[in-house]
């Protein structure tokens, strides 16, 4: 055997450390076929992590997240991490009450022993505006199919997942009424079936899926759009919602993501590298292979299998990411015959890259109002954002400066209101805009 598939793939030409790559993908193959290894029921426990958002993509703080016997709450950035989650396919639910109004949502996570399942994102919906789809999944012979994944997505929400049971039945509740959804039933070895729908509040609609046996088509490689590395401070005065708000302000595409992730912490910073690509429109698509390298020519190593055929986004929070380093990524399309088919994995996509910038720290402003900061490693331009109110979700800057190459900048914005507190932070950019670092949030009092 060589490469991720039993018959080898074009990826082989781009990898020099093939033994390491194949070992990584042999474990990922178990996730695809859903049998054996650490993915089996009762094999132990692992972790589940992700984000909870509202229907507008905003993070939800203080939501209770439950997966079996494991429970936890989301932090100010909407992030949760659950320990001690049993292995296998586990329902994950989130619920929160805000201003007397209850919201909830749910999805399914595949959990491996002693590993963290990331990107288990849950959009929560107002209880009074929820709807449900349910039904049966069969093959062309009419036989009911167990273990089929049903993905449902709206353009502004993360995809949610249900899995058919031993009777081939599935149920996907807590969907937002009044939105246009697209759903796909997907299983290894079969061509997916899909359907679009829009539900009324309180409605339960029966939608059945019929899967055909798959061939072994050669899928196109994903078309990569960009990569972006983010560095945000860990020791900070602002809560995480501020930094999510600013990220969405600087990269509006983040609010339309179909899939997100959860960060990991290293001393002094949060590091996140976001990948964007164009949706591969094929009912033979099972998901995407994610490869990363430390140089543009490789070797590229398999870092994840994204078992979501509707995804257009992936967030890398690997423990191997370090400040100052550039990282290079390729994606492949995985078809329903992987790992057995000759064409199970597509050729690699083009390469996108991003550099992780250093931490950006502030210095005390001077009078007349001049903002100052310490230069961040590998940042070449800086911008000051001033807010007239605390910059939670949806708050836009009162003033956004032009970029400067200096480490200070005099305020030249609109007139300030006497006796008012303003908030500000500084943004550092890489010279190719593939890396951004954010300072902590600070404030100043304008006394005339």
Protein backbone atom coordinates (compact mmCIF):
# COMPACT_ATOMS: atom_id res chain seq x y z
CA UNK A 1 0.00 0.00 0.00
CA UNK A 2 1.05 3.60 -0.54
CA UNK A 3 -0.53 6.97 0.01
CA UNK A 4 -3.93 7.54 1.59
CA UNK A 5 -5.70 5.05 -0.71
CA UNK A 6 -4.92 1.40 -1.30
CA UNK A 7 -4.08 2.06 -4.93
CA UNK A 8 -2.11 5.26 -4.36
CA UNK A 9 -3.13 8.76 -5.48
CA UNK A 10 -1.52 11.79 -7.13
CA UNK A 11 -0.86 13.03 -3.59
CA UNK A 12 2.01 10.55 -3.50
CA UNK A 13 4.07 12.74 -5.80
CA UNK A 14 3.88 15.59 -3.31
CA UNK A 15 4.87 13.65 -0.20
CA UNK A 16 8.36 12.55 0.67
CA UNK A 17 7.46 11.14 4.10
CA UNK A 18 4.91 8.68 2.76
CA UNK A 19 5.03 6.28 5.71
CA UNK A 20 3.99 9.05 8.08
CA UNK A 21 1.23 10.24 5.75
CA UNK A 22 -0.20 6.78 5.19
CA UNK A 23 -0.30 6.07 8.92
CA UNK A 24 -2.27 9.25 9.46
CA UNK A 25 -4.76 8.39 6.73
CA UNK A 26 -5.17 4.78 7.85
CA UNK A 27 -6.75 6.15 11.02
CA UNK A 28 -8.83 8.63 9.03
CA UNK A 29 -10.16 5.81 6.89
CA UNK A 30 -11.72 4.33 10.00
CA UNK A 31 -13.59 7.58 10.50
CA UNK A 32 -14.91 7.34 6.96
CA UNK A 33 -16.11 3.75 7.06
CA UNK A 34 -17.30 4.05 10.67
CA UNK A 35 -16.07 0.70 11.94
CA UNK A 36 -13.28 -0.76 14.03
CA UNK A 37 -10.44 1.03 15.78
CA UNK A 38 -10.97 3.84 18.21
CA UNK A 39 -14.26 4.90 16.72
CA UNK A 40 -16.19 1.91 18.05
CA UNK A 41 -18.79 2.09 20.77
CA UNK A 42 -17.51 1.54 24.28
CA UNK A 43 -13.83 1.88 23.34
CA UNK A 44 -13.33 4.73 25.82
CA UNK A 45 -13.78 8.47 25.99
CA UNK A 46 -12.56 11.53 24.12
CA UNK A 47 -13.21 15.26 23.86
CA UNK A 48 -15.67 17.30 21.79
CA UNK A 49 -15.12 20.98 21.03
CA UNK A 50 -16.75 23.61 18.88
CA UNK A 51 -18.72 26.84 18.76
CA UNK A 52 -22.32 27.72 19.58
CA UNK A 53 -23.77 30.51 17.44
CA UNK A 54 -27.11 32.17 16.87
CA UNK A 55 -28.85 32.16 13.47
CA UNK A 56 -26.84 35.24 12.47
CA UNK A 57 -23.53 33.49 13.11
CA UNK A 58 -22.81 35.42 16.33
CA UNK A 59 -21.18 33.53 19.21
CA UNK A 60 -23.45 32.58 22.12
CA UNK A 61 -21.91 32.77 25.59
CA UNK A 62 -23.12 30.79 28.59
CA UNK A 63 -24.89 28.06 26.60
CA UNK A 64 -25.10 24.64 28.27
CA UNK A 65 -23.67 21.98 25.94
CA UNK A 66 -24.38 18.29 26.61
CA UNK A 67 -22.95 15.15 25.00
CA UNK A 68 -24.06 12.03 26.86
CA UNK A 69 -22.99 12.46 30.49
CA UNK A 70 -20.54 15.25 29.65
CA UNK A 71 -21.61 18.85 30.14
CA UNK A 72 -20.03 22.30 29.91
CA UNK A 73 -20.74 25.95 29.14
CA UNK A 74 -19.59 28.13 26.27
CA UNK A 75 -17.11 30.91 27.01
CA UNK A 76 -17.58 34.54 25.86
CA UNK A 77 -16.46 33.54 22.36
CA UNK A 78 -19.13 30.84 22.16
CA UNK A 79 -16.49 28.10 22.45
CA UNK A 80 -16.99 24.90 24.45
CA UNK A 81 -14.80 21.88 25.25
CA UNK A 82 -16.30 18.71 26.74
CA UNK A 83 -14.17 16.03 28.41
CA UNK A 84 -15.11 12.41 29.02
CA UNK A 85 -17.41 11.99 26.01
CA UNK A 86 -18.00 8.35 25.07
CA UNK A 87 -16.63 7.22 21.73
CA UNK A 88 -18.78 6.69 18.67
CA UNK A 89 -21.48 8.84 17.11
CA UNK A 90 -22.77 11.02 19.95
CA UNK A 91 -25.61 13.61 19.89
CA UNK A 92 -24.41 17.03 21.08
CA UNK A 93 -27.01 19.55 22.26
CA UNK A 94 -26.81 23.22 23.23
CA UNK A 95 -29.39 25.30 25.10
CA UNK A 96 -29.51 28.77 26.57
CA UNK A 97 -32.07 31.25 27.86
CA UNK A 98 -31.55 34.93 27.14
CA UNK A 99 -33.92 37.65 28.37
CA UNK A 100 -36.50 34.98 29.14
CA UNK A 101 -36.35 33.48 25.64
CA UNK A 102 -35.11 29.89 25.23
CA UNK A 103 -32.87 28.74 22.37
CA UNK A 104 -31.53 25.29 21.53
CA UNK A 105 -29.81 23.28 18.81
CA UNK A 106 -28.19 19.91 18.24
CA UNK A 107 -25.93 17.90 15.94
CA UNK A 108 -23.90 14.66 16.03
CA UNK A 109 -20.15 14.22 16.66
CA UNK A 110 -17.95 11.23 15.86
CA UNK A 111 -15.72 10.81 18.93
CA UNK A 112 -12.44 8.87 19.08
CA UNK A 113 -10.74 7.58 22.20
CA UNK A 114 -8.22 10.02 23.74
CA UNK A 115 -8.69 12.47 20.87
CA UNK A 116 -10.48 15.81 20.47
CA UNK A 117 -13.23 16.01 17.87
CA UNK A 118 -13.17 19.64 16.73
CA UNK A 119 -15.48 21.83 14.68
CA UNK A 120 -18.65 20.43 16.26
CA UNK A 121 -20.56 23.68 15.78
CA UNK A 122 -24.15 24.14 16.89
CA UNK A 123 -26.49 26.92 15.74
CA UNK A 124 -29.17 27.55 18.38
CA UNK A 125 -32.69 28.50 17.34
CA UNK A 126 -35.47 30.20 19.31
CA UNK A 127 -37.72 27.40 20.60
CA UNK A 128 -40.88 29.00 19.20
CA UNK A 129 -39.29 29.11 15.71
CA UNK A 130 -38.07 25.52 15.51
CA UNK A 131 -39.05 22.87 12.97
CA UNK A 132 -38.07 19.26 12.25
CA UNK A 133 -37.39 16.93 9.36
CA UNK A 134 -37.57 13.17 9.72
CA UNK A 135 -37.77 10.17 7.44
CA UNK A 136 -36.24 6.93 6.21
CA UNK A 137 -33.07 6.25 4.20
CA UNK A 138 -33.12 3.29 1.81
CA UNK A 139 -31.05 1.93 -1.05
CA UNK A 140 -32.46 1.39 -4.56
CA UNK A 141 -33.69 -2.06 -3.54
CA UNK A 142 -35.80 -0.56 -0.79
CA UNK A 143 -33.60 -1.85 2.04
CA UNK A 144 -33.33 0.50 4.98
CA UNK A 145 -29.83 1.80 5.67
CA UNK A 146 -28.23 2.29 9.06
CA UNK A 147 -25.49 4.84 9.80
CA UNK A 148 -26.18 7.25 6.94
CA UNK A 149 -25.28 10.85 7.73
CA UNK A 150 -27.83 13.53 6.89
CA UNK A 151 -26.35 17.02 6.60
CA UNK A 152 -28.62 20.07 6.58
CA UNK A 153 -27.39 23.57 5.92
CA UNK A 154 -28.56 27.12 5.39
CA UNK A 155 -26.20 29.62 3.74
CA UNK A 156 -25.71 31.51 7.00
CA UNK A 157 -25.54 28.58 9.44
CA UNK A 158 -23.12 25.80 10.24
CA UNK A 159 -24.25 22.43 8.91
CA UNK A 160 -25.97 20.12 11.39
CA UNK A 161 -25.96 16.34 11.24
CA UNK A 162 -28.25 13.41 12.03
CA UNK A 163 -27.54 9.68 11.58
CA UNK A 164 -30.02 7.01 10.54
CA UNK A 165 -30.66 4.32 13.15
CA UNK A 166 -30.90 0.53 12.86
CA UNK A 167 -34.30 0.91 11.18
CA UNK A 168 -32.95 3.42 8.66
CA UNK A 169 -34.87 6.22 10.35
CA UNK A 170 -33.48 9.67 11.13
CA UNK A 171 -34.73 12.79 12.86
CA UNK A 172 -33.21 16.27 12.58
CA UNK A 173 -34.93 18.71 14.96
CA UNK A 174 -34.33 22.31 16.07
CA UNK A 175 -34.05 23.76 12.54
CA UNK A 176 -34.86 27.42 11.95
CA UNK A 177 -38.31 27.92 10.43
CA UNK A 178 -38.63 30.17 7.41
CA UNK A 179 -35.13 29.56 6.03
CA UNK A 180 -34.16 27.78 2.81
CA UNK A 181 -32.25 24.61 3.72
CA UNK A 182 -30.33 22.15 1.60
CA UNK A 183 -29.96 18.57 2.89
CA UNK A 184 -27.82 15.68 1.72
CA UNK A 185 -27.83 12.03 2.83
CA UNK A 186 -24.30 10.63 2.53
CA UNK A 187 -22.69 7.22 3.10
CA UNK A 188 -19.47 5.53 1.96
CA UNK A 189 -20.00 3.48 -1.19
CA UNK A 190 -23.16 5.35 -2.26
CA UNK A 191 -24.13 8.34 -4.34
CA UNK A 192 -25.73 10.91 -2.05
CA UNK A 193 -29.36 11.97 -2.32
CA UNK A 194 -30.29 15.61 -1.77
CA UNK A 195 -33.31 17.83 -1.28
CA UNK A 196 -34.16 21.47 -0.54
CA UNK A 197 -36.86 22.58 1.88
CA UNK A 198 -38.31 25.48 3.88
CA UNK A 199 -40.30 24.74 7.04
CA UNK A 200 -42.96 26.57 9.02
CA UNK A 201 -42.61 27.07 12.77
CA UNK A 202 -43.65 23.91 14.62
CA UNK A 203 -43.73 21.82 11.43
CA UNK A 204 -42.43 18.24 11.26
CA UNK A 205 -41.96 17.18 7.64
CA UNK A 206 -41.20 13.69 6.35
CA UNK A 207 -38.35 13.65 3.82
CA UNK A 208 -37.11 10.26 2.64
CA UNK A 209 -33.76 9.64 0.92
CA UNK A 210 -32.82 6.92 -1.58
CA UNK A 211 -29.13 6.19 -2.16
CA UNK A 212 -27.66 4.55 -5.24
CA UNK A 213 -24.49 2.47 -5.29
CA UNK A 214 -21.55 4.66 -6.23
CA UNK A 215 -19.17 4.31 -9.09
CA UNK A 216 -15.62 5.56 -8.79
CA UNK A 217 -15.66 8.98 -10.50
CA UNK A 218 -12.59 11.20 -10.56
CA UNK A 219 -13.63 14.30 -8.65
CA UNK A 220 -12.12 17.74 -9.27
CA UNK A 221 -9.76 19.12 -6.68
CA UNK A 222 -11.23 21.87 -4.51
CA UNK A 223 -10.64 25.39 -5.81
CA UNK A 224 -8.85 27.18 -3.00
CA UNK A 225 -9.70 30.82 -2.37
CA UNK A 226 -7.45 31.92 0.49
CA UNK A 227 -5.92 31.27 3.89
CA UNK A 228 -5.84 33.63 6.85
CA UNK A 229 -3.84 33.34 10.09
CA UNK A 230 -5.15 35.08 13.22
CA UNK A 231 -3.24 35.92 16.39
CA UNK A 232 -5.17 37.25 19.38
CA UNK A 233 -4.01 37.83 22.97
CA UNK A 234 -4.79 35.33 25.71
CA UNK A 235 -4.19 37.69 28.64
CA UNK A 236 -6.69 40.38 27.83
CA UNK A 237 -9.18 42.82 29.28
CA UNK A 238 -11.83 42.20 26.60
CA UNK A 239 -14.00 39.11 26.37
CA UNK A 240 -13.78 36.83 23.36
CA UNK A 241 -16.85 38.30 21.69
CA UNK A 242 -14.84 41.46 20.97
CA UNK A 243 -12.24 39.57 18.98
CA UNK A 244 -14.85 37.52 17.12
CA UNK A 245 -16.63 40.77 16.27
CA UNK A 246 -13.44 42.36 14.94
CA UNK A 247 -12.51 39.23 12.96
CA UNK A 248 -15.93 39.26 11.29
CA UNK A 249 -15.57 42.98 10.63
CA UNK A 250 -12.19 42.51 8.93
CA UNK A 251 -13.17 39.28 7.16
CA UNK A 252 -16.97 39.43 6.53
CA UNK A 253 -16.82 36.02 4.86
CA UNK A 254 -16.38 34.48 8.34
CA UNK A 255 -20.02 35.25 9.14
CA UNK A 256 -21.13 33.10 6.19
CA UNK A 257 -18.99 30.09 7.07
CA UNK A 258 -20.46 26.64 6.69
CA UNK A 259 -18.09 25.17 9.24
CA UNK A 260 -15.93 26.53 12.06
CA UNK A 261 -13.70 25.28 14.84
CA UNK A 262 -12.38 25.80 18.33
CA UNK A 263 -9.03 27.29 19.20
CA UNK A 264 -6.29 25.92 21.36
CA UNK A 265 -4.18 27.98 23.70
CA UNK A 266 -0.41 28.39 23.81
CA UNK A 267 1.39 30.85 26.11
CA UNK A 268 0.44 34.40 25.17
CA UNK A 269 -1.76 33.87 22.14
CA UNK A 270 -4.61 32.21 20.37
CA UNK A 271 -3.61 30.97 16.91
CA UNK A 272 -6.11 30.10 14.18
CA UNK A 273 -5.57 29.52 10.46
CA UNK A 274 -8.72 29.65 8.34
CA UNK A 275 -8.99 27.97 4.94
CA UNK A 276 -11.58 28.95 2.32
CA UNK A 277 -12.49 27.11 -0.88
CA UNK A 278 -15.32 26.75 -3.37
CA UNK A 279 -17.95 24.08 -2.73
CA UNK A 280 -17.37 20.94 -4.83
CA UNK A 281 -20.79 20.23 -6.30
CA UNK A 282 -20.97 16.44 -6.55
CA UNK A 283 -23.24 13.84 -4.97
CA UNK A 284 -20.23 11.50 -5.05
CA UNK A 285 -18.31 13.73 -2.61
CA UNK A 286 -17.78 12.27 0.87
CA UNK A 287 -15.62 15.07 2.28
CA UNK A 288 -12.20 16.67 2.08
CA UNK A 289 -8.65 15.72 2.95
CA UNK A 290 -6.68 18.52 4.62
CA UNK A 291 -2.89 18.63 4.15
CA UNK A 292 -0.37 21.01 5.73
CA UNK A 293 3.33 21.69 5.13
CA UNK A 294 6.03 24.01 6.47
CA UNK A 295 7.29 24.82 2.97
CA UNK A 296 5.55 25.42 -0.34
CA UNK A 297 7.15 22.33 -1.89
CA UNK A 298 6.25 20.06 1.04
CA UNK A 299 6.34 17.45 2.33
CA UNK A 300 2.57 17.80 2.89
CA UNK A 301 1.17 15.75 5.75
CA UNK A 302 -2.44 14.73 6.24
CA UNK A 303 -3.82 16.61 9.24
CA UNK A 304 -7.55 15.95 9.03
CA UNK A 305 -10.44 14.39 7.16
CA UNK A 306 -13.37 16.80 7.00
CA UNK A 307 -16.38 14.50 6.75
CA UNK A 308 -18.74 17.20 5.54
CA UNK A 309 -19.52 17.35 1.81
CA UNK A 310 -21.17 20.76 2.27
CA UNK A 311 -18.15 22.47 3.83
CA UNK A 312 -16.37 25.49 2.33
CA UNK A 313 -14.28 26.40 5.37
CA UNK A 314 -11.84 24.77 7.77
CA UNK A 315 -10.12 26.24 10.84
CA UNK A 316 -6.75 24.75 11.83
CA UNK A 317 -5.87 24.99 15.54
CA UNK A 318 -3.15 22.35 15.61
CA UNK A 319 -0.76 22.22 18.57
CA UNK A 320 2.05 22.38 15.99
CA UNK A 321 1.26 25.96 14.89
CA UNK A 322 3.80 28.52 16.08
CA UNK A 323 4.21 32.29 15.92
CA UNK A 324 6.35 33.55 13.07
CA UNK A 325 6.05 30.44 10.90
CA UNK A 326 4.43 30.28 7.46
CA UNK A 327 2.13 27.33 6.77
CA UNK A 328 1.02 25.90 3.44
CA UNK A 329 -2.17 23.97 2.72
CA UNK A 330 -3.65 21.72 0.05
CA UNK A 331 -7.04 20.04 -0.01
CA UNK A 332 -8.30 16.97 -1.84
CA UNK A 333 -11.81 15.79 -2.65
CA UNK A 334 -12.67 12.35 -1.25
CA UNK A 335 -15.26 10.31 -3.15
CA UNK A 336 -17.66 7.70 -1.79
CA UNK A 337 -15.42 4.78 -2.77
CA UNK A 338 -12.46 5.88 -0.64
CA UNK A 339 -10.28 4.10 0.42
CA UNK A 340 -11.00 1.29 -2.08
CA UNK A 341 -11.49 3.12 -5.36
CA UNK A 342 -8.76 3.97 -7.84
CA UNK A 343 -10.11 7.54 -7.87
CA UNK A 344 -10.98 7.67 -4.16
CA UNK A 345 -8.95 10.83 -3.66
CA UNK A 346 -8.59 13.67 -6.15
CA UNK A 347 -5.36 15.31 -7.13
CA UNK A 348 -4.30 18.07 -4.71
CA UNK A 349 -5.65 21.57 -4.94
CA UNK A 350 -3.44 24.57 -5.50
CA UNK A 351 -1.49 25.76 -2.47
CA UNK A 352 -2.63 28.54 -0.16
CA UNK A 353 -0.47 29.86 2.64
CA UNK A 354 -0.54 32.10 5.69
CA UNK A 355 2.04 33.32 8.21
CA UNK A 356 1.31 33.47 11.94
CA UNK A 357 2.14 36.98 13.19
CA UNK A 358 3.50 37.82 16.61
CA UNK A 359 1.53 39.23 19.51
CA UNK A 360 0.67 42.94 19.28
CA UNK A 361 0.86 44.93 22.53
CA UNK A 362 -0.20 48.50 23.25
CA UNK A 363 1.65 51.42 24.81
CA UNK A 364 0.08 54.35 26.65
CA UNK A 365 -1.33 56.98 24.24
CA UNK A 366 0.16 60.49 24.17
CA UNK A 367 -1.60 63.88 24.36
CA UNK A 368 -2.76 65.20 21.89
CA UNK A 369 -4.36 61.84 21.21
CA UNK A 370 -1.73 59.64 19.61
CA UNK A 371 -2.03 55.86 19.71
CA UNK A 372 1.13 53.82 20.27
CA UNK A 373 2.00 50.13 20.15
CA UNK A 374 4.91 47.71 20.04
CA UNK A 375 5.61 46.21 16.64
CA UNK A 376 4.52 42.60 16.19
CA UNK A 377 6.78 40.02 14.57
CA UNK A 378 6.23 39.86 10.79
CA UNK A 379 3.54 42.58 10.78
CA UNK A 380 4.36 45.34 8.28
CA UNK A 381 1.28 47.59 8.48
CA UNK A 382 -0.97 48.72 11.31
CA UNK A 383 -4.47 50.15 11.63
CA UNK A 384 -6.28 51.70 14.60
CA UNK A 385 -9.98 50.99 15.18
CA UNK A 386 -11.86 53.33 17.55
CA UNK A 387 -15.34 52.45 18.85
CA UNK A 388 -17.86 54.82 20.46
CA UNK A 389 -19.34 51.90 22.45
CA UNK A 390 -18.09 48.53 23.64
CA UNK A 391 -17.40 46.57 20.42
CA UNK A 392 -19.70 43.59 20.84
CA UNK A 393 -21.23 41.80 17.86
CA UNK A 394 -22.55 44.20 15.22
CA UNK A 395 -20.76 47.30 16.54
CA UNK A 396 -18.85 49.12 13.79
CA UNK A 397 -15.86 51.41 14.34
CA UNK A 398 -16.39 55.11 15.02
CA UNK A 399 -13.10 55.60 13.18
CA UNK A 400 -10.88 53.24 11.20
CA UNK A 401 -7.52 54.76 10.37
CA UNK A 402 -5.59 54.34 7.17
CA UNK A 403 -2.80 51.79 7.48
CA UNK A 404 0.61 52.95 8.60
CA UNK A 405 4.10 51.45 8.70
CA UNK A 406 4.85 53.27 11.96
CA UNK A 407 4.36 52.22 15.59
CA UNK A 408 2.26 55.29 16.45
CA UNK A 409 -0.58 57.24 14.86
CA UNK A 410 -2.26 60.54 15.69
CA UNK A 411 -6.05 60.59 15.82
CA UNK A 412 -7.57 62.39 12.81
CA UNK A 413 -11.13 61.13 12.97
CA UNK A 414 -14.49 62.81 13.67
CA UNK A 415 -14.90 65.15 16.62
CA UNK A 416 -14.96 63.39 19.96
CA UNK A 417 -17.69 63.91 22.53
CA UNK A 418 -16.60 65.60 25.75
CA UNK A 419 -16.76 63.38 28.84
CA UNK A 420 -17.19 60.14 26.88
CA UNK A 421 -15.24 56.87 27.06
CA UNK A 422 -14.06 55.41 23.76
CA UNK A 423 -12.61 51.96 23.05
CA UNK A 424 -9.82 51.09 20.64
CA UNK A 425 -7.52 48.36 19.45
CA UNK A 426 -4.74 48.04 16.89
CA UNK A 427 -4.65 45.59 13.98
CA UNK A 428 -1.38 44.35 12.49
CA UNK A 429 -1.21 42.99 8.94
CA UNK A 430 1.25 40.82 7.05
CA UNK A 431 2.46 42.39 3.83
CA UNK A 432 0.29 39.99 1.79
CA UNK A 433 -2.71 40.20 4.16
CA UNK A 434 -2.60 36.46 4.89
CA UNK A 435 -1.87 37.12 8.56
CA UNK A 436 -3.56 39.43 11.07
CA UNK A 437 -2.73 40.08 14.72
CA UNK A 438 -5.04 41.92 17.11
CA UNK A 439 -4.03 43.88 20.19
CA UNK A 440 -6.00 43.77 23.39
CA UNK A 441 -8.92 46.19 23.72
CA UNK A 442 -8.19 49.41 25.56
CA UNK A 443 -10.10 52.64 26.23
CA UNK A 444 -9.57 56.36 26.75
CA UNK A 445 -11.61 59.16 28.31
CA UNK A 446 -12.02 62.28 26.22
CA UNK A 447 -11.93 65.33 28.49
CA UNK A 448 -11.60 68.04 25.86
